[in-house]
Amino acid sequence: MRAFAALSLLLFLPGCTELADHGPASARTLARMETQAVTKDVFLRRMQTVVPLPTSPVTLPFKLVDGVPVAKARLNNHGPVPMMLDTGASRTMVQASLVVEAKVPVMHASDATVELQGIVGREQGRIGLLDPLTLGSWSLHGYPCLVRTYENRLTNRRGASRFPECLLGFDVALNRCTFLTLDYTSNEITFSFQERFRPQTGKRLASTPFRLKQGVPVITLRSGAVRWEAIVDTGSFNKIEISESLAGRLGVQQQGEQVKGLYLMAVGGTVTSGQANLRTVKLADLKLAGDQYRDVRVDIAPGPPRVGSFFLKDYRVTFDMRRKLLHLEW
């Protein structure tokens, strides 16, 4: 069994909620998935397919859904299916129900299972093989992914909401691209394979180093004399999130107003904002990517500190893989 880094947190405002739960995928889905299982030897052999990377950048549109970017992809020639673009996830993940629909092979449980570490708990999962994973004109062959065998379900009078069936982790771009751009101002994502990043003419630019921590990008933030690292997490719809321990260092742990009426849906469980003790506090100052912000409202939330899509939505955001720099343009 192998443990992976935390996968992203999603928050939904359900309104008049009738049911919110978390549990295994249906027995029928899991049984059908087992019929697609292959041995470790077969799995590794199928991973050996080598296809040259595209010679030109690949750009595809995305939409903000519940505050996070979602693009269309094809899995094993099935789809298109919505795929959340999640730089806060170290690995690409697909829900068991979609694995069955797309006929994605999984490795036999006797050969390998995985432990998925989420914001509010852990789950046991499997390893699948996307062949291919298609993003616009780019196809990745023999690409391993995590398979989630649990589900978050949230039902209200307007219908059901679920944790996304498919999310694209940071690993796809990290190991193959010279840079990755999420342009929130034009709702486009660009994967570049050979070109160097060049800022747009006439735009303001702020840059800051990022480093990899458990496979995801982290940057340094500062408020007063306190510095900390935060994940740049496009899979979080929040603005700036800090942990309980960091709130203590910043002297705001006993402050703030409770956030009510939200459900936190994540790998490992579904909890209310009250159960998570989610609350909003104000920092007198915040320095991020060289810019100084005043009277910034941040959320104290479970998990590590994060910079989410609500902050990033005003920028053209680029991860420069060659120079390990995060660029913000506006």
C-alpha atoms as a PDB file:
ATOM      1  CA  MET A   1       0.000   0.000   0.000  1.00  0.00           C
ATOM      2  CA  ARG A   2       1.268   3.451  -0.916  1.00  0.00           C
ATOM      3  CA  ALA A   3       0.123   6.793   0.525  1.00  0.00           C
ATOM      4  CA  PHE A   4      -0.380   9.851  -1.674  1.00  0.00           C
ATOM      5  CA  ALA A   5      -0.598  13.553  -0.857  1.00  0.00           C
ATOM      6  CA  ALA A   6      -3.868  15.212   0.091  1.00  0.00           C
ATOM      7  CA  LEU A   7      -6.437  15.738  -2.632  1.00  0.00           C
ATOM      8  CA  SER A   8      -8.406  18.936  -2.900  1.00  0.00           C
ATOM      9  CA  LEU A   9     -11.254  20.217  -0.835  1.00  0.00           C
ATOM     10  CA  LEU A  10     -14.515  21.374  -2.388  1.00  0.00           C
ATOM     11  CA  LEU A  11     -17.209  23.405  -0.665  1.00  0.00           C
ATOM     12  CA  PHE A  12     -20.852  23.529  -1.697  1.00  0.00           C
ATOM     13  CA  LEU A  13     -23.698  25.744  -0.489  1.00  0.00           C
ATOM     14  CA  PRO A  14     -26.578  23.276  -0.470  1.00  0.00           C
ATOM     15  CA  GLY A  15     -29.525  25.391   0.574  1.00  0.00           C
ATOM     16  CA  CYS A  16     -32.267  23.157   1.978  1.00  0.00           C
ATOM     17  CA  THR A  17     -30.284  19.989   2.447  1.00  0.00           C
ATOM     18  CA  GLU A  18     -32.005  16.638   2.786  1.00  0.00           C
ATOM     19  CA  LEU A  19     -29.025  14.266   2.675  1.00  0.00           C
ATOM     20  CA  ALA A  20     -25.246  14.524   2.888  1.00  0.00           C
ATOM     21  CA  ASP A  21     -23.153  11.397   3.192  1.00  0.00           C
ATOM     22  CA  HIS A  22     -19.899   9.674   2.304  1.00  0.00           C
ATOM     23  CA  GLY A  23     -19.378   6.009   1.638  1.00  0.00           C
ATOM     24  CA  PRO A  24     -18.181   3.299  -0.746  1.00  0.00           C
ATOM     25  CA  ALA A  25     -19.254   3.204  -4.366  1.00  0.00           C
ATOM     26  CA  SER A  26     -22.090   0.768  -5.012  1.00  0.00           C
ATOM     27  CA  ALA A  27     -21.351  -2.948  -4.808  1.00  0.00           C
ATOM     28  CA  ARG A  28     -22.439  -3.262  -8.457  1.00  0.00           C
ATOM     29  CA  THR A  29     -19.931  -0.612  -9.576  1.00  0.00           C
ATOM     30  CA  LEU A  30     -17.081  -2.209  -7.609  1.00  0.00           C
ATOM     31  CA  ALA A  31     -17.933  -5.671  -8.935  1.00  0.00           C
ATOM     32  CA  ARG A  32     -17.967  -4.408 -12.527  1.00  0.00           C
ATOM     33  CA  MET A  33     -14.636  -2.670 -11.949  1.00  0.00           C
ATOM     34  CA  GLU A  34     -13.099  -5.970 -10.826  1.00  0.00           C
ATOM     35  CA  THR A  35     -13.934  -7.506 -14.223  1.00  0.00           C
ATOM     36  CA  GLN A  36     -11.552  -4.917 -15.725  1.00  0.00           C
ATOM     37  CA  ALA A  37      -8.651  -5.813 -13.408  1.00  0.00           C
ATOM     38  CA  VAL A  38      -5.312  -6.875 -14.895  1.00  0.00           C
ATOM     39  CA  THR A  39      -2.132  -8.269 -13.377  1.00  0.00           C
ATOM     40  CA  LYS A  40       0.772  -6.038 -12.426  1.00  0.00           C
ATOM     41  CA  ASP A  41       2.864  -7.411 -15.307  1.00  0.00           C
ATOM     42  CA  VAL A  42       0.177  -6.585 -17.878  1.00  0.00           C
ATOM     43  CA  PHE A  43      -0.375  -3.152 -16.329  1.00  0.00           C
ATOM     44  CA  LEU A  44       3.335  -2.249 -16.446  1.00  0.00           C
ATOM     45  CA  ARG A  45       3.661  -3.533 -20.002  1.00  0.00           C
ATOM     46  CA  ARG A  46       0.808  -1.252 -21.145  1.00  0.00           C
ATOM     47  CA  MET A  47       2.537   1.695 -19.455  1.00  0.00           C
ATOM     48  CA  GLN A  48       5.528   1.374 -21.758  1.00  0.00           C
ATOM     49  CA  THR A  49       3.847   3.015 -24.747  1.00  0.00           C
ATOM     50  CA  VAL A  50       6.005   5.993 -25.772  1.00  0.00           C
ATOM     51  CA  VAL A  51       4.413   8.817 -27.784  1.00  0.00           C
ATOM     52  CA  PRO A  52       6.278  12.060 -28.603  1.00  0.00           C
ATOM     53  CA  LEU A  53       5.030  15.206 -26.910  1.00  0.00           C
ATOM     54  CA  PRO A  54       3.260  17.803 -29.081  1.00  0.00           C
ATOM     55  CA  THR A  55       5.542  20.291 -30.796  1.00  0.00           C
ATOM     56  CA  SER A  56       3.161  23.210 -30.222  1.00  0.00           C
ATOM     57  CA  PRO A  57       1.275  24.376 -27.122  1.00  0.00           C
ATOM     58  CA  VAL A  58      -2.141  22.829 -26.507  1.00  0.00           C
ATOM     59  CA  THR A  59      -4.913  25.177 -25.363  1.00  0.00           C
ATOM     60  CA  LEU A  60      -8.404  24.206 -24.314  1.00  0.00           C
ATOM     61  CA  PRO A  61     -11.305  26.086 -22.726  1.00  0.00           C
ATOM     62  CA  PHE A  62     -12.513  25.655 -19.177  1.00  0.00           C
ATOM     63  CA  LYS A  63     -15.481  26.833 -17.144  1.00  0.00           C
ATOM     64  CA  LEU A  64     -15.656  27.799 -13.492  1.00  0.00           C
ATOM     65  CA  VAL A  65     -17.990  25.279 -11.854  1.00  0.00           C
ATOM     66  CA  ASP A  66     -18.711  25.870  -8.161  1.00  0.00           C
ATOM     67  CA  GLY A  67     -15.752  28.260  -8.260  1.00  0.00           C
ATOM     68  CA  VAL A  68     -13.124  25.850  -9.652  1.00  0.00           C
ATOM     69  CA  PRO A  69     -11.877  25.359 -13.248  1.00  0.00           C
ATOM     70  CA  VAL A  70     -13.348  22.407 -15.143  1.00  0.00           C
ATOM     71  CA  ALA A  71     -12.345  21.365 -18.682  1.00  0.00           C
ATOM     72  CA  LYS A  72     -13.467  18.548 -20.974  1.00  0.00           C
ATOM     73  CA  ALA A  73     -11.302  15.456 -21.451  1.00  0.00           C
ATOM     74  CA  ARG A  74     -11.619  11.992 -22.947  1.00  0.00           C
ATOM     75  CA  LEU A  75     -10.686   8.846 -21.038  1.00  0.00           C
ATOM     76  CA  ASN A  76      -9.852   5.746 -23.069  1.00  0.00           C
ATOM     77  CA  ASN A  77     -11.763   7.331 -25.979  1.00  0.00           C
ATOM     78  CA  HIS A  78     -14.825   7.809 -23.741  1.00  0.00           C
ATOM     79  CA  GLY A  79     -16.402  11.192 -23.288  1.00  0.00           C
ATOM     80  CA  PRO A  80     -15.977  14.090 -23.286  1.00  0.00           C
ATOM     81  CA  VAL A  81     -16.173  14.149 -19.502  1.00  0.00           C
ATOM     82  CA  PRO A  82     -15.745  17.121 -17.126  1.00  0.00           C
ATOM     83  CA  MET A  83     -12.318  17.165 -15.458  1.00  0.00           C
ATOM     84  CA  MET A  84     -11.451  19.514 -12.600  1.00  0.00           C
ATOM     85  CA  LEU A  85      -8.068  21.224 -13.052  1.00  0.00           C
ATOM     86  CA  ASP A  86      -6.549  20.736  -9.612  1.00  0.00           C
ATOM     87  CA  THR A  87      -2.995  21.909  -8.940  1.00  0.00           C
ATOM     88  CA  GLY A  88      -3.535  20.992  -5.286  1.00  0.00           C
ATOM     89  CA  ALA A  89      -3.695  17.295  -6.172  1.00  0.00           C
ATOM     90  CA  SER A  90      -0.413  15.494  -6.741  1.00  0.00           C
ATOM     91  CA  ARG A  91      -1.982  12.815  -8.947  1.00  0.00           C
ATOM     92  CA  THR A  92      -4.812  12.543 -11.460  1.00  0.00           C
ATOM     93  CA  MET A  93      -7.859  10.773 -10.047  1.00  0.00           C
ATOM     94  CA  VAL A  94     -10.928   9.109 -11.570  1.00  0.00           C
ATOM     95  CA  GLN A  95     -14.065   7.917  -9.775  1.00  0.00           C
ATOM     96  CA  ALA A  96     -14.811   4.158  -9.881  1.00  0.00           C
ATOM     97  CA  SER A  97     -18.144   4.740 -11.652  1.00  0.00           C
ATOM     98  CA  LEU A  98     -16.379   6.563 -14.490  1.00  0.00           C
ATOM     99  CA  VAL A  99     -13.649   3.901 -14.618  1.00  0.00           C
ATOM    100  CA  VAL A 100     -16.412   1.371 -15.325  1.00  0.00           C
ATOM    101  CA  GLU A 101     -18.084   3.569 -17.964  1.00  0.00           C
ATOM    102  CA  ALA A 102     -14.806   4.263 -19.779  1.00  0.00           C
ATOM    103  CA  LYS A 103     -13.577   0.659 -19.409  1.00  0.00           C
ATOM    104  CA  VAL A 104     -10.374   1.772 -17.700  1.00  0.00           C
ATOM    105  CA  PRO A 105      -8.269  -1.224 -16.580  1.00  0.00           C
ATOM    106  CA  VAL A 106      -7.224  -1.359 -12.920  1.00  0.00           C
ATOM    107  CA  MET A 107      -4.400  -3.273 -11.303  1.00  0.00           C
ATOM    108  CA  HIS A 108      -5.455  -6.310  -9.265  1.00  0.00           C
ATOM    109  CA  ALA A 109      -5.899  -5.437  -5.597  1.00  0.00           C
ATOM    110  CA  SER A 110      -3.611  -8.340  -4.710  1.00  0.00           C
ATOM    111  CA  ASP A 111      -0.809  -6.532  -6.574  1.00  0.00           C
ATOM    112  CA  ALA A 112      -1.374  -2.978  -5.306  1.00  0.00           C
ATOM    113  CA  THR A 113      -3.830  -0.680  -3.574  1.00  0.00           C
ATOM    114  CA  VAL A 114      -3.336   2.951  -2.607  1.00  0.00           C
ATOM    115  CA  GLU A 115      -4.233   5.082   0.375  1.00  0.00           C
ATOM    116  CA  LEU A 116      -5.758   8.438  -0.540  1.00  0.00           C
ATOM    117  CA  GLN A 117      -5.077  11.104   2.066  1.00  0.00           C
ATOM    118  CA  GLY A 118      -7.786  13.750   2.040  1.00  0.00           C
ATOM    119  CA  ILE A 119      -8.519  16.905   4.000  1.00  0.00           C
ATOM    120  CA  VAL A 120     -10.873  15.245   6.476  1.00  0.00           C
ATOM    121  CA  GLY A 121      -9.842  11.583   6.321  1.00  0.00           C
ATOM    122  CA  ARG A 122      -8.417   8.684   4.360  1.00  0.00           C
ATOM    123  CA  GLU A 123      -9.745   6.169   1.854  1.00  0.00           C
ATOM    124  CA  GLN A 124      -8.415   3.084   0.180  1.00  0.00           C
ATOM    125  CA  GLY A 125      -8.269   3.273  -3.600  1.00  0.00           C
ATOM    126  CA  ARG A 126      -6.891   1.512  -6.644  1.00  0.00           C
ATOM    127  CA  ILE A 127      -4.559   2.238  -9.557  1.00  0.00           C
ATOM    128  CA  GLY A 128      -6.007   2.608 -13.055  1.00  0.00           C
ATOM    129  CA  LEU A 129      -4.496   3.055 -16.515  1.00  0.00           C
ATOM    130  CA  LEU A 130      -5.682   5.752 -18.908  1.00  0.00           C
ATOM    131  CA  ASP A 131      -4.859   4.816 -22.476  1.00  0.00           C
ATOM    132  CA  PRO A 132      -5.227   7.439 -23.636  1.00  0.00           C
ATOM    133  CA  LEU A 133      -6.031  10.494 -21.525  1.00  0.00           C
ATOM    134  CA  THR A 134      -6.903  13.093 -24.150  1.00  0.00           C
ATOM    135  CA  LEU A 135      -6.735  16.832 -23.468  1.00  0.00           C
ATOM    136  CA  GLY A 136      -7.624  18.724 -26.624  1.00  0.00           C
ATOM    137  CA  SER A 137      -5.122  17.620 -29.281  1.00  0.00           C
ATOM    138  CA  TRP A 138      -2.781  16.035 -26.695  1.00  0.00           C
ATOM    139  CA  SER A 139      -3.087  12.326 -25.893  1.00  0.00           C
ATOM    140  CA  LEU A 140      -1.180  10.677 -23.033  1.00  0.00           C
ATOM    141  CA  HIS A 141      -0.870   6.915 -23.500  1.00  0.00           C
ATOM    142  CA  GLY A 142      -0.319   4.370 -20.751  1.00  0.00           C
ATOM    143  CA  TYR A 143      -0.925   6.971 -18.071  1.00  0.00           C
ATOM    144  CA  PRO A 144      -1.498   5.671 -14.492  1.00  0.00           C
ATOM    145  CA  CYS A 145      -4.121   7.361 -12.330  1.00  0.00           C
ATOM    146  CA  LEU A 146      -5.668   6.971  -8.906  1.00  0.00           C
ATOM    147  CA  VAL A 147      -9.080   5.329  -8.756  1.00  0.00           C
ATOM    148  CA  ARG A 148     -11.422   6.529  -6.033  1.00  0.00           C
ATOM    149  CA  THR A 149     -13.703   3.807  -4.666  1.00  0.00           C
ATOM    150  CA  TYR A 150     -15.640   6.082  -2.265  1.00  0.00           C
ATOM    151  CA  GLU A 151     -18.160   8.828  -3.011  1.00  0.00           C
ATOM    152  CA  ASN A 152     -19.404  12.084  -1.475  1.00  0.00           C
ATOM    153  CA  ARG A 153     -23.117  12.635  -2.029  1.00  0.00           C
ATOM    154  CA  LEU A 154     -25.058  15.795  -1.282  1.00  0.00           C
ATOM    155  CA  THR A 155     -28.770  15.917  -2.103  1.00  0.00           C
ATOM    156  CA  ASN A 156     -31.143  18.874  -1.821  1.00  0.00           C
ATOM    157  CA  ARG A 157     -34.382  20.031  -3.377  1.00  0.00           C
ATOM    158  CA  ARG A 158     -32.561  21.068  -6.523  1.00  0.00           C
ATOM    159  CA  GLY A 159     -30.996  17.649  -7.033  1.00  0.00           C
ATOM    160  CA  ALA A 160     -27.670  16.016  -6.216  1.00  0.00           C
ATOM    161  CA  SER A 161     -24.127  17.346  -6.085  1.00  0.00           C
ATOM    162  CA  ARG A 162     -21.095  15.096  -6.067  1.00  0.00           C
ATOM    163  CA  PHE A 163     -17.359  15.318  -5.743  1.00  0.00           C
ATOM    164  CA  PRO A 164     -16.079  15.565  -9.348  1.00  0.00           C
ATOM    165  CA  GLU A 165     -15.724  12.233 -11.093  1.00  0.00           C
ATOM    166  CA  CYS A 166     -12.403  13.187 -12.619  1.00  0.00           C
ATOM    167  CA  LEU A 167      -9.635  15.583 -11.643  1.00  0.00           C
ATOM    168  CA  LEU A 168      -6.384  16.444 -13.381  1.00  0.00           C
ATOM    169  CA  GLY A 169      -3.490  16.494 -10.929  1.00  0.00           C
ATOM    170  CA  PHE A 170      -0.362  18.639 -11.107  1.00  0.00           C
ATOM    171  CA  ASP A 171       1.682  15.601 -12.166  1.00  0.00           C
ATOM    172  CA  VAL A 172       0.457  15.757 -15.781  1.00  0.00           C
ATOM    173  CA  ALA A 173       2.067  19.151 -16.441  1.00  0.00           C
ATOM    174  CA  LEU A 174       4.947  18.860 -13.982  1.00  0.00           C
ATOM    175  CA  ASN A 175       6.625  15.952 -15.734  1.00  0.00           C
ATOM    176  CA  ARG A 176       5.959  16.997 -19.332  1.00  0.00           C
ATOM    177  CA  CYS A 177       5.495  20.763 -19.727  1.00  0.00           C
ATOM    178  CA  THR A 178       7.823  23.728 -19.793  1.00  0.00           C
ATOM    179  CA  PHE A 179       4.956  25.776 -18.383  1.00  0.00           C
ATOM    180  CA  LEU A 180       1.266  25.491 -17.528  1.00  0.00           C
ATOM    181  CA  THR A 181      -1.041  28.503 -17.787  1.00  0.00           C
ATOM    182  CA  LEU A 182      -4.547  28.830 -16.370  1.00  0.00           C
ATOM    183  CA  ASP A 183      -5.928  32.064 -17.736  1.00  0.00           C
ATOM    184  CA  TYR A 184      -8.916  32.827 -15.531  1.00  0.00           C
ATOM    185  CA  THR A 185      -9.551  36.057 -17.479  1.00  0.00           C
ATOM    186  CA  SER A 186     -10.208  34.180 -20.739  1.00  0.00           C
ATOM    187  CA  ASN A 187     -11.127  30.752 -19.322  1.00  0.00           C
ATOM    188  CA  GLU A 188      -8.343  28.901 -21.116  1.00  0.00           C
ATOM    189  CA  ILE A 189      -5.662  26.441 -20.011  1.00  0.00           C
ATOM    190  CA  THR A 190      -2.437  26.054 -21.992  1.00  0.00           C
ATOM    191  CA  PHE A 191       0.095  23.218 -21.832  1.00  0.00           C
ATOM    192  CA  SER A 192       3.450  24.210 -23.359  1.00  0.00           C
ATOM    193  CA  PHE A 193       6.087  21.590 -24.172  1.00  0.00           C
ATOM    194  CA  GLN A 194       9.055  23.398 -25.732  1.00  0.00           C
ATOM    195  CA  GLU A 195       8.567  27.162 -25.494  1.00  0.00           C
ATOM    196  CA  ARG A 196       9.782  29.332 -22.637  1.00  0.00           C
ATOM    197  CA  PHE A 197       7.251  31.425 -20.763  1.00  0.00           C
ATOM    198  CA  ARG A 198       6.963  34.972 -22.101  1.00  0.00           C
ATOM    199  CA  PRO A 199       4.769  37.512 -20.299  1.00  0.00           C
ATOM    200  CA  GLN A 200       2.028  39.273 -22.218  1.00  0.00           C
ATOM    201  CA  THR A 201       2.811  42.723 -23.535  1.00  0.00           C
ATOM    202  CA  GLY A 202       1.056  45.529 -21.696  1.00  0.00           C
ATOM    203  CA  LYS A 203       0.154  43.424 -18.661  1.00  0.00           C
ATOM    204  CA  ARG A 204       1.398  43.767 -15.096  1.00  0.00           C
ATOM    205  CA  LEU A 205       3.470  40.847 -13.855  1.00  0.00           C
ATOM    206  CA  ALA A 206       4.225  39.539 -10.385  1.00  0.00           C
ATOM    207  CA  SER A 207       6.409  36.452  -9.919  1.00  0.00           C
ATOM    208  CA  THR A 208       7.434  34.342  -6.948  1.00  0.00           C
ATOM    209  CA  PRO A 209       9.374  31.077  -6.593  1.00  0.00           C
ATOM    210  CA  PHE A 210       7.478  27.874  -5.970  1.00  0.00           C
ATOM    211  CA  ARG A 211       8.799  24.570  -4.749  1.00  0.00           C
ATOM    212  CA  LEU A 212       7.340  21.103  -4.788  1.00  0.00           C
ATOM    213  CA  LYS A 213       6.034  19.623  -1.561  1.00  0.00           C
ATOM    214  CA  GLN A 214       4.556  16.138  -1.847  1.00  0.00           C
ATOM    215  CA  GLY A 215       4.105  16.729  -5.576  1.00  0.00           C
ATOM    216  CA  VAL A 216       2.199  20.042  -5.433  1.00  0.00           C
ATOM    217  CA  PRO A 217       3.399  23.669  -5.790  1.00  0.00           C
ATOM    218  CA  VAL A 218       3.838  25.773  -2.660  1.00  0.00           C
ATOM    219  CA  ILE A 219       4.760  29.439  -2.338  1.00  0.00           C
ATOM    220  CA  THR A 220       5.753  31.620   0.611  1.00  0.00           C
ATOM    221  CA  LEU A 221       3.314  34.130   2.093  1.00  0.00           C
ATOM    222  CA  ARG A 222       3.920  36.644   4.863  1.00  0.00           C
ATOM    223  CA  SER A 223       1.835  38.645   7.303  1.00  0.00           C
ATOM    224  CA  GLY A 224       3.751  40.887   9.667  1.00  0.00           C
ATOM    225  CA  ALA A 225       6.768  38.908  10.856  1.00  0.00           C
ATOM    226  CA  VAL A 226       5.140  35.519  10.179  1.00  0.00           C
ATOM    227  CA  ARG A 227       6.052  33.549   7.055  1.00  0.00           C
ATOM    228  CA  TRP A 228       4.426  30.334   5.870  1.00  0.00           C
ATOM    229  CA  GLU A 229       4.090  28.057   2.868  1.00  0.00           C
ATOM    230  CA  ALA A 230       0.775  27.651   1.059  1.00  0.00           C
ATOM    231  CA  ILE A 231      -0.314  25.298  -1.714  1.00  0.00           C
ATOM    232  CA  VAL A 232      -1.351  27.035  -4.938  1.00  0.00           C
ATOM    233  CA  ASP A 233      -4.576  25.072  -5.207  1.00  0.00           C
ATOM    234  CA  THR A 234      -6.864  25.684  -8.170  1.00  0.00           C
ATOM    235  CA  GLY A 235      -9.081  22.897  -6.812  1.00  0.00           C
ATOM    236  CA  SER A 236     -10.114  25.019  -3.818  1.00  0.00           C
ATOM    237  CA  PHE A 237     -12.826  27.593  -4.480  1.00  0.00           C
ATOM    238  CA  ASN A 238     -11.734  29.674  -1.481  1.00  0.00           C
ATOM    239  CA  LYS A 239      -9.457  32.716  -1.507  1.00  0.00           C
ATOM    240  CA  ILE A 240      -6.751  32.316   1.158  1.00  0.00           C
ATOM    241  CA  GLU A 241      -6.981  29.480   3.692  1.00  0.00           C
ATOM    242  CA  ILE A 242      -4.859  29.031   6.806  1.00  0.00           C
ATOM    243  CA  SER A 243      -4.620  26.145   9.253  1.00  0.00           C
ATOM    244  CA  GLU A 244      -5.460  26.193  12.964  1.00  0.00           C
ATOM    245  CA  SER A 245      -1.793  26.088  13.927  1.00  0.00           C
ATOM    246  CA  LEU A 246      -0.944  28.964  11.581  1.00  0.00           C
ATOM    247  CA  ALA A 247      -3.883  30.957  12.949  1.00  0.00           C
ATOM    248  CA  GLY A 248      -2.271  30.554  16.366  1.00  0.00           C
ATOM    249  CA  ARG A 249       1.057  31.876  15.109  1.00  0.00           C
ATOM    250  CA  LEU A 250      -0.731  34.842  13.537  1.00  0.00           C
ATOM    251  CA  GLY A 251      -2.619  35.573  16.747  1.00  0.00           C
ATOM    252  CA  VAL A 252      -6.089  35.178  15.193  1.00  0.00           C
ATOM    253  CA  GLN A 253      -7.073  31.683  16.366  1.00  0.00           C
ATOM    254  CA  GLN A 254      -9.590  32.995  18.897  1.00  0.00           C
ATOM    255  CA  GLN A 255     -11.076  35.512  16.457  1.00  0.00           C
ATOM    256  CA  GLY A 256     -13.419  35.427  13.510  1.00  0.00           C
ATOM    257  CA  GLU A 257     -16.968  34.605  12.614  1.00  0.00           C
ATOM    258  CA  GLN A 258     -18.249  31.066  12.069  1.00  0.00           C
ATOM    259  CA  VAL A 259     -19.060  30.152   8.475  1.00  0.00           C
ATOM    260  CA  LYS A 260     -22.488  28.507   8.332  1.00  0.00           C
ATOM    261  CA  GLY A 261     -24.502  26.605   5.749  1.00  0.00           C
ATOM    262  CA  LEU A 262     -21.639  24.989   3.848  1.00  0.00           C
ATOM    263  CA  TYR A 263     -20.678  21.375   3.313  1.00  0.00           C
ATOM    264  CA  LEU A 264     -17.035  20.438   2.845  1.00  0.00           C
ATOM    265  CA  MET A 265     -16.773  17.554   0.403  1.00  0.00           C
ATOM    266  CA  ALA A 266     -13.382  15.899   0.129  1.00  0.00           C
ATOM    267  CA  VAL A 267     -11.545  12.624  -0.118  1.00  0.00           C
ATOM    268  CA  GLY A 268     -12.087  11.069   3.294  1.00  0.00           C
ATOM    269  CA  GLY A 269     -15.493  12.469   4.142  1.00  0.00           C
ATOM    270  CA  THR A 270     -18.233  15.083   4.020  1.00  0.00           C
ATOM    271  CA  VAL A 271     -18.564  17.473   6.974  1.00  0.00           C
ATOM    272  CA  THR A 272     -20.457  20.675   7.681  1.00  0.00           C
ATOM    273  CA  SER A 273     -18.619  23.970   8.025  1.00  0.00           C
ATOM    274  CA  GLY A 274     -19.634  23.899  11.679  1.00  0.00           C
ATOM    275  CA  GLN A 275     -18.096  20.470  12.256  1.00  0.00           C
ATOM    276  CA  ALA A 276     -14.918  21.678  10.544  1.00  0.00           C
ATOM    277  CA  ASN A 277     -14.950  24.867  12.647  1.00  0.00           C
ATOM    278  CA  LEU A 278     -14.579  26.894   9.454  1.00  0.00           C
ATOM    279  CA  ARG A 279     -14.390  30.603  10.220  1.00  0.00           C
ATOM    280  CA  THR A 280     -13.296  33.867   8.644  1.00  0.00           C
ATOM    281  CA  VAL A 281     -10.738  36.232  10.164  1.00  0.00           C
ATOM    282  CA  LYS A 282      -8.996  39.389   8.987  1.00  0.00           C
ATOM    283  CA  LEU A 283      -5.251  39.881   8.584  1.00  0.00           C
ATOM    284  CA  ALA A 284      -3.977  43.464   8.744  1.00  0.00           C
ATOM    285  CA  ASP A 285      -1.551  42.776   5.909  1.00  0.00           C
ATOM    286  CA  LEU A 286      -0.551  39.986   3.535  1.00  0.00           C
ATOM    287  CA  LYS A 287       2.392  39.778   1.147  1.00  0.00           C
ATOM    288  CA  LEU A 288       1.963  37.419  -1.809  1.00  0.00           C
ATOM    289  CA  ALA A 289       4.078  37.288  -4.985  1.00  0.00           C
ATOM    290  CA  GLY A 290       5.688  40.621  -4.138  1.00  0.00           C
ATOM    291  CA  ASP A 291       2.391  42.476  -3.746  1.00  0.00           C
ATOM    292  CA  GLN A 292       1.094  43.834  -0.443  1.00  0.00           C
ATOM    293  CA  TYR A 293      -2.581  43.480   0.501  1.00  0.00           C
ATOM    294  CA  ARG A 294      -4.330  45.245   3.402  1.00  0.00           C
ATOM    295  CA  ASP A 295      -7.165  44.050   5.654  1.00  0.00           C
ATOM    296  CA  VAL A 296      -7.379  40.645   3.977  1.00  0.00           C
ATOM    297  CA  ARG A 297     -10.147  38.231   4.922  1.00  0.00           C
ATOM    298  CA  VAL A 298      -8.889  34.642   5.151  1.00  0.00           C
ATOM    299  CA  ASP A 299     -10.525  31.383   6.199  1.00  0.00           C
ATOM    300  CA  ILE A 300      -9.329  29.078   8.968  1.00  0.00           C
ATOM    301  CA  ALA A 301     -10.008  25.649   7.461  1.00  0.00           C
ATOM    302  CA  PRO A 302      -8.968  21.991   7.747  1.00  0.00           C
ATOM    303  CA  GLY A 303      -5.804  20.910   5.991  1.00  0.00           C
ATOM    304  CA  PRO A 304      -2.699  22.840   4.949  1.00  0.00           C
ATOM    305  CA  PRO A 305      -2.695  26.565   4.028  1.00  0.00           C
ATOM    306  CA  ARG A 306      -3.831  27.199   0.467  1.00  0.00           C
ATOM    307  CA  VAL A 307      -4.255  29.921  -2.146  1.00  0.00           C
ATOM    308  CA  GLY A 308      -7.433  29.025  -4.020  1.00  0.00           C
ATOM    309  CA  SER A 309      -9.285  29.911  -7.192  1.00  0.00           C
ATOM    310  CA  PHE A 310     -11.271  32.766  -5.647  1.00  0.00           C
ATOM    311  CA  PHE A 311      -7.965  34.635  -5.298  1.00  0.00           C
ATOM    312  CA  LEU A 312      -6.543  33.421  -8.611  1.00  0.00           C
ATOM    313  CA  LYS A 313      -9.663  34.216 -10.689  1.00  0.00           C
ATOM    314  CA  ASP A 314      -8.497  37.762 -11.479  1.00  0.00           C
ATOM    315  CA  TYR A 315      -5.195  36.601 -13.002  1.00  0.00           C
ATOM    316  CA  ARG A 316      -3.519  34.770 -15.809  1.00  0.00           C
ATOM    317  CA  VAL A 317      -1.683  32.176 -13.695  1.00  0.00           C
ATOM    318  CA  THR A 318       1.428  30.421 -15.019  1.00  0.00           C
ATOM    319  CA  PHE A 319       3.546  27.698 -13.436  1.00  0.00           C
ATOM    320  CA  ASP A 320       6.987  28.010 -15.033  1.00  0.00           C
ATOM    321  CA  MET A 321       8.350  24.481 -14.632  1.00  0.00           C
ATOM    322  CA  ARG A 322      11.848  25.270 -15.906  1.00  0.00           C
ATOM    323  CA  ARG A 323      12.532  28.137 -13.526  1.00  0.00           C
ATOM    324  CA  LYS A 324      10.140  27.015 -10.752  1.00  0.00           C
ATOM    325  CA  LEU A 325       8.361  30.381 -10.761  1.00  0.00           C
ATOM    326  CA  LEU A 326       4.696  31.247 -10.344  1.00  0.00           C
ATOM    327  CA  HIS A 327       3.676  34.183 -12.557  1.00  0.00           C
ATOM    328  CA  LEU A 328       0.540  36.273 -12.051  1.00  0.00           C
ATOM    329  CA  GLU A 329      -0.489  38.606 -14.899  1.00  0.00           C
ATOM    330  CA  TRP A 330      -3.319  41.140 -14.919  1.00  0.00           C
END
